[in-house]
Amino acid sequence: MILRVLCIAAVAITLAACNQDESASAPPPISLKDDALGVFCGMNVLEHPGPKGQIITASRIDPYWFTSVRDTVAFTLMPDQPRDIRAIYVSDMGVAPSWEEPGATNWINARKAFFVIESRRRSGMETDEAVPFGNRAAADAFVASNGGRIVSFDQIPKTYVLGGDTSESSKHSPTEIRTN
């Protein structure tokens, strides 16, 4: 009887460890294709210049696509959006071919990116943009040319992406969204 209980416990622990390992690894980014539509605007993502975003959740096969990084961050702050985020990727503008062509495969983890906010560059939807870079030197060079300041994902102000007074519009902060 004791041996049977120990065997069952060992199997349960092993299965729990396997499930934990699977959930701990973030899924890879998806290459941007010409049929990707922005979540908020319903427009083709490739028809707009500037950096893009994608959010991969546990409850969907395809990622949520965004015509701007600002919208990507906003999605994580809105209480009516999914909370089962597994990964957040943004265009690395330091290696992008150009502002008009931000690239289809140069995705970086948003939590590790350097963002330039309050610059003179506008998003593809003609709003303020949070311009992501994979390294600090590229972000510094962008600031020297376009103004702005450099922040991390968690330091992007809610008011910058949501606008106005956000005291009641969002009870979630980017740090409360669990991603792998």
Protein backbone atom coordinates (compact mmCIF):
# COMPACT_ATOMS: atom_id res chain seq x y z
CA MET A 1 0.00 0.00 0.00
CA ILE A 2 2.75 2.45 0.92
CA LEU A 3 4.67 1.55 -2.25
CA ARG A 4 1.57 2.18 -4.36
CA VAL A 5 1.05 5.63 -2.75
CA LEU A 6 4.71 6.50 -3.31
CA CYS A 7 4.50 5.46 -6.98
CA ILE A 8 1.37 7.54 -7.53
CA ALA A 9 3.00 10.51 -5.82
CA ALA A 10 6.13 10.14 -7.98
CA VAL A 11 4.06 10.03 -11.17
CA ALA A 12 2.04 13.08 -10.08
CA ILE A 13 5.21 15.05 -9.32
CA THR A 14 6.76 14.06 -12.65
CA LEU A 15 3.64 15.09 -14.59
CA ALA A 16 3.44 18.39 -12.71
CA ALA A 17 7.09 19.09 -13.57
CA CYS A 18 6.43 18.36 -17.25
CA ASN A 19 3.44 20.69 -17.34
CA GLN A 20 5.42 23.38 -15.54
CA ASP A 21 8.28 23.13 -18.08
CA GLU A 22 5.85 23.47 -20.99
CA SER A 23 4.15 26.56 -19.55
CA ALA A 24 7.47 28.15 -18.60
CA SER A 25 8.70 28.44 -22.18
CA ALA A 26 7.22 31.22 -24.27
CA PRO A 27 6.06 30.34 -27.76
CA PRO A 28 8.21 31.83 -30.55
CA PRO A 29 7.04 34.89 -32.49
CA ILE A 30 5.09 34.42 -35.71
CA SER A 31 6.39 35.92 -38.95
CA LEU A 32 4.27 38.87 -40.07
CA LYS A 33 2.21 37.94 -43.13
CA ASP A 34 0.17 40.11 -45.47
CA ASP A 35 -3.13 38.82 -44.09
CA ALA A 36 -2.49 40.08 -40.51
CA LEU A 37 -5.23 42.42 -39.30
CA GLY A 38 -4.90 44.87 -36.42
CA VAL A 39 -7.05 44.01 -33.39
CA PHE A 40 -8.34 47.50 -32.70
CA CYS A 41 -8.64 48.94 -36.21
CA GLY A 42 -9.37 45.82 -38.28
CA MET A 43 -6.96 47.10 -40.93
CA ASN A 44 -4.10 45.27 -42.61
CA VAL A 45 -1.05 45.63 -40.37
CA LEU A 46 1.37 45.92 -43.31
CA GLU A 47 -0.44 48.97 -44.70
CA HIS A 48 0.92 51.14 -41.88
CA PRO A 49 4.51 52.28 -41.28
CA GLY A 50 6.32 51.99 -37.97
CA PRO A 51 6.84 49.21 -35.45
CA LYS A 52 4.28 46.44 -34.97
CA GLY A 53 3.29 44.12 -32.16
CA GLN A 54 1.90 40.66 -31.61
CA ILE A 55 0.52 39.04 -28.49
CA ILE A 56 0.26 35.29 -28.17
CA THR A 57 -2.29 33.93 -25.71
CA ALA A 58 -3.04 30.45 -24.45
CA SER A 59 -6.64 30.64 -25.68
CA ARG A 60 -5.94 31.40 -29.36
CA ILE A 61 -4.02 29.66 -32.12
CA ASP A 62 -3.15 32.86 -33.99
CA PRO A 63 -1.56 35.89 -32.35
CA TYR A 64 -3.33 39.19 -31.82
CA TRP A 65 -1.73 41.64 -34.30
CA PHE A 66 -1.23 45.37 -33.74
CA THR A 67 -0.50 48.18 -36.19
CA SER A 68 1.49 49.96 -33.48
CA VAL A 69 3.46 49.09 -30.39
CA ARG A 70 1.45 51.63 -28.43
CA ASP A 71 -1.69 49.58 -29.16
CA THR A 72 0.15 46.42 -28.17
CA VAL A 73 0.96 47.83 -24.74
CA ALA A 74 -2.57 49.24 -24.38
CA PHE A 75 -4.01 45.76 -24.96
CA THR A 76 -2.14 44.50 -21.87
CA LEU A 77 -3.64 47.29 -19.75
CA MET A 78 -7.28 47.01 -20.78
CA PRO A 79 -9.36 45.02 -18.29
CA ASP A 80 -11.66 43.55 -20.94
CA GLN A 81 -8.82 41.91 -22.91
CA PRO A 82 -7.56 38.35 -22.35
CA ARG A 83 -5.28 37.80 -19.36
CA ASP A 84 -3.78 34.51 -20.60
CA ILE A 85 -0.86 36.21 -22.36
CA ARG A 86 2.00 33.82 -23.09
CA ALA A 87 4.27 36.20 -25.03
CA ILE A 88 4.45 39.82 -26.19
CA TYR A 89 6.64 40.59 -29.20
CA VAL A 90 7.43 43.91 -30.85
CA SER A 91 9.44 44.96 -33.90
CA ASP A 92 13.13 45.59 -33.20
CA MET A 93 13.49 48.91 -34.97
CA GLY A 94 17.25 48.82 -34.52
CA VAL A 95 17.44 46.13 -37.22
CA ALA A 96 14.33 47.10 -39.20
CA PRO A 97 14.93 47.83 -42.90
CA SER A 98 13.17 51.21 -42.48
CA TRP A 99 10.30 52.96 -40.71
CA GLU A 100 8.07 52.11 -43.69
CA GLU A 101 9.16 48.45 -43.59
CA PRO A 102 9.64 47.45 -39.94
CA GLY A 103 10.34 43.82 -40.87
CA ALA A 104 8.44 40.55 -40.74
CA THR A 105 10.77 38.48 -38.57
CA ASN A 106 12.77 40.88 -36.37
CA TRP A 107 10.64 40.36 -33.28
CA ILE A 108 11.94 40.90 -29.74
CA ASN A 109 10.43 40.14 -26.37
CA ALA A 110 8.66 43.33 -25.28
CA ARG A 111 9.72 42.79 -21.67
CA LYS A 112 13.39 42.96 -22.70
CA ALA A 113 13.13 45.87 -25.17
CA PHE A 114 14.19 49.49 -24.76
CA PHE A 115 11.29 51.79 -25.72
CA VAL A 116 11.60 55.38 -26.90
CA ILE A 117 8.51 57.34 -25.98
CA GLU A 118 7.65 61.02 -26.56
CA SER A 119 9.68 61.19 -29.79
CA ARG A 120 8.80 63.10 -32.96
CA ARG A 121 8.01 59.85 -34.85
CA ARG A 122 4.34 58.96 -35.16
CA SER A 123 2.83 55.49 -35.32
CA GLY A 124 1.28 54.04 -38.43
CA MET A 125 -2.05 55.24 -37.09
CA GLU A 126 -0.63 58.79 -36.60
CA THR A 127 -0.55 58.62 -32.80
CA ASP A 128 2.28 58.77 -30.29
CA GLU A 129 4.41 55.65 -30.52
CA ALA A 130 6.53 53.54 -28.18
CA VAL A 131 9.44 52.66 -30.48
CA PRO A 132 11.16 49.39 -29.43
CA PHE A 133 14.83 48.49 -29.74
CA GLY A 134 16.74 45.33 -28.89
CA ASN A 135 19.75 47.24 -27.57
CA ARG A 136 20.35 50.50 -25.73
CA ALA A 137 22.80 51.93 -28.28
CA ALA A 138 20.18 51.79 -31.06
CA ALA A 139 17.62 53.44 -28.76
CA ASP A 140 20.14 56.18 -27.85
CA ALA A 141 20.83 56.84 -31.55
CA PHE A 142 17.09 57.10 -32.23
CA VAL A 143 16.66 59.60 -29.35
CA ALA A 144 19.55 61.69 -30.73
CA SER A 145 17.75 61.93 -34.09
CA ASN A 146 14.10 62.03 -33.03
CA GLY A 147 13.98 63.16 -29.41
CA GLY A 148 12.15 61.29 -26.68
CA ARG A 149 13.24 59.28 -23.70
CA ILE A 150 14.06 55.63 -23.11
CA VAL A 151 11.99 53.43 -20.80
CA SER A 152 11.41 49.74 -20.18
CA PHE A 153 8.09 47.99 -20.87
CA ASP A 154 6.99 48.36 -17.24
CA GLN A 155 7.87 52.07 -17.25
CA ILE A 156 5.65 53.05 -20.19
CA PRO A 157 3.05 55.36 -18.57
CA LYS A 158 -0.55 54.17 -18.77
CA THR A 159 -1.58 57.66 -19.85
CA TYR A 160 0.86 57.47 -22.77
CA VAL A 161 -0.85 54.42 -24.26
CA LEU A 162 -4.41 54.82 -23.00
CA GLY A 163 -4.64 58.62 -22.90
CA GLY A 164 -6.25 60.83 -20.29
CA ASP A 165 -6.89 59.86 -16.69
CA THR A 166 -6.46 56.11 -16.35
CA SER A 167 -7.26 55.80 -12.65
CA GLU A 168 -10.52 53.99 -13.36
CA SER A 169 -9.95 52.78 -16.93
CA SER A 170 -7.49 50.06 -15.99
CA LYS A 171 -6.94 48.07 -12.87
CA HIS A 172 -4.04 46.15 -14.46
CA SER A 173 -0.47 47.28 -14.88
CA PRO A 174 1.97 45.70 -17.36
CA THR A 175 3.73 44.02 -14.43
CA GLU A 176 0.50 42.23 -13.42
CA ILE A 177 0.20 40.49 -16.79
CA ARG A 178 1.92 37.12 -16.52
CA THR A 179 3.91 36.13 -19.55
CA ASN A 180 6.33 33.29 -19.92
